[in-house]
Protein backbone atom coordinates (compact mmCIF):
# COMPACT_ATOMS: atom_id res chain seq x y z
CA MET A 1 59.87 -37.04 -29.76
CA LEU A 2 62.29 -35.75 -32.46
CA HIS A 3 64.99 -38.05 -31.19
CA LYS A 4 62.88 -41.14 -32.54
CA ARG A 5 62.64 -39.61 -35.92
CA PRO A 6 64.62 -41.73 -38.53
CA ARG A 7 67.70 -40.22 -40.03
CA TYR A 8 67.91 -39.95 -43.88
CA LEU A 9 70.98 -41.52 -45.43
CA PRO A 10 71.34 -40.58 -49.07
CA GLU A 11 73.63 -43.69 -49.65
CA LEU A 12 70.46 -45.83 -49.08
CA GLU A 13 68.23 -44.14 -51.52
CA ALA A 14 68.73 -46.62 -54.25
CA PHE A 15 67.47 -49.38 -52.00
CA TRP A 16 64.46 -47.36 -50.80
CA GLN A 17 63.47 -46.58 -54.44
CA ALA A 18 63.85 -50.21 -55.35
CA PHE A 19 61.57 -51.24 -52.52
CA TRP A 20 58.87 -48.86 -53.64
CA ALA A 21 59.24 -49.70 -57.32
CA LEU A 22 58.76 -53.47 -56.28
CA HIS A 23 55.84 -52.84 -53.86
CA PRO A 24 52.99 -52.94 -56.41
CA THR A 25 54.35 -56.34 -57.77
CA ARG A 26 53.00 -58.12 -54.56
CA LEU A 27 50.67 -60.99 -54.92
CA ARG A 28 47.36 -60.44 -53.28
CA GLY A 29 45.19 -63.39 -52.29
CA SER A 30 43.84 -63.81 -48.89
CA GLY A 31 46.30 -61.12 -47.57
CA VAL A 32 49.23 -59.16 -48.63
CA GLU A 33 52.19 -61.29 -49.69
CA PRO A 34 55.88 -60.34 -49.55
CA ILE A 35 57.77 -59.07 -52.65
CA GLN A 36 58.58 -62.21 -54.76
CA PRO A 37 62.26 -63.04 -55.24
CA GLN A 38 61.51 -63.37 -59.06
CA ALA A 39 60.30 -59.56 -59.06
CA ILE A 40 63.51 -58.54 -57.24
CA ALA A 41 65.71 -60.48 -59.62
CA ALA A 42 63.77 -59.00 -62.56
CA TYR A 43 64.24 -55.49 -61.24
CA LEU A 44 67.94 -56.04 -60.68
CA GLU A 45 68.38 -57.15 -64.23
CA ILE A 46 66.68 -54.10 -65.50
CA ILE A 47 68.80 -51.64 -63.48
CA GLY A 48 71.93 -53.46 -64.40
CA ALA A 49 73.05 -54.81 -60.98
CA ASN A 50 75.34 -57.59 -62.27
CA SER A 51 77.70 -58.27 -59.64
CA SER A 52 76.92 -60.92 -56.99
CA ALA A 53 77.84 -58.31 -54.28
CA ASP A 54 75.33 -55.69 -55.63
CA ARG A 55 72.57 -58.29 -56.14
CA THR A 56 73.15 -59.63 -52.65
CA ARG A 57 73.25 -56.13 -51.09
CA TYR A 58 69.96 -55.13 -52.92
CA TYR A 59 68.24 -58.48 -52.11
CA GLY A 60 69.09 -57.95 -48.41
CA PHE A 61 67.81 -54.29 -48.19
CA ILE A 62 64.68 -54.94 -50.28
CA THR A 63 63.65 -58.09 -48.17
CA ALA A 64 64.62 -56.30 -44.89
CA LEU A 65 62.40 -53.26 -45.84
CA ASP A 66 59.65 -55.65 -47.00
CA GLN A 67 59.62 -57.34 -43.62
CA VAL A 68 59.26 -54.06 -41.73
CA TRP A 69 56.45 -52.93 -44.10
CA LEU A 70 54.60 -56.40 -43.86
CA ARG A 71 54.78 -56.07 -39.93
CA TRP A 72 53.56 -52.51 -40.10
CA HIS A 73 50.72 -53.50 -42.47
CA GLN A 74 49.60 -56.36 -40.38
CA LYS A 75 49.51 -54.36 -37.20
CA LYS A 76 47.61 -51.57 -39.04
CA SER A 77 45.09 -54.18 -40.42
CA SER A 78 44.55 -55.68 -37.14
CA SER A 79 43.95 -52.39 -35.23
CA GLN A 80 41.41 -51.44 -37.98
CA ASP A 81 39.63 -54.76 -37.59
CA LYS A 82 39.31 -53.97 -33.92
CA GLY A 83 37.95 -50.51 -34.37
């Protein structure tokens, strides 16, 4: 089972922290919404990610993490609804 455990990569820590910093900014209506691009842009402005390359990299990682989290949340919610 240990072979399936994710490996920690310190060089990705900043993206992980950005994702969790933005997590509470989600809009909530009839369900949980993705992190909004405007929230990501504001966060990048705050941390001083000014270059196009940095902004693109952060945006890509944050939205990828968000997609995985949303799938996990949806799966968790649907299994709770059944049980």
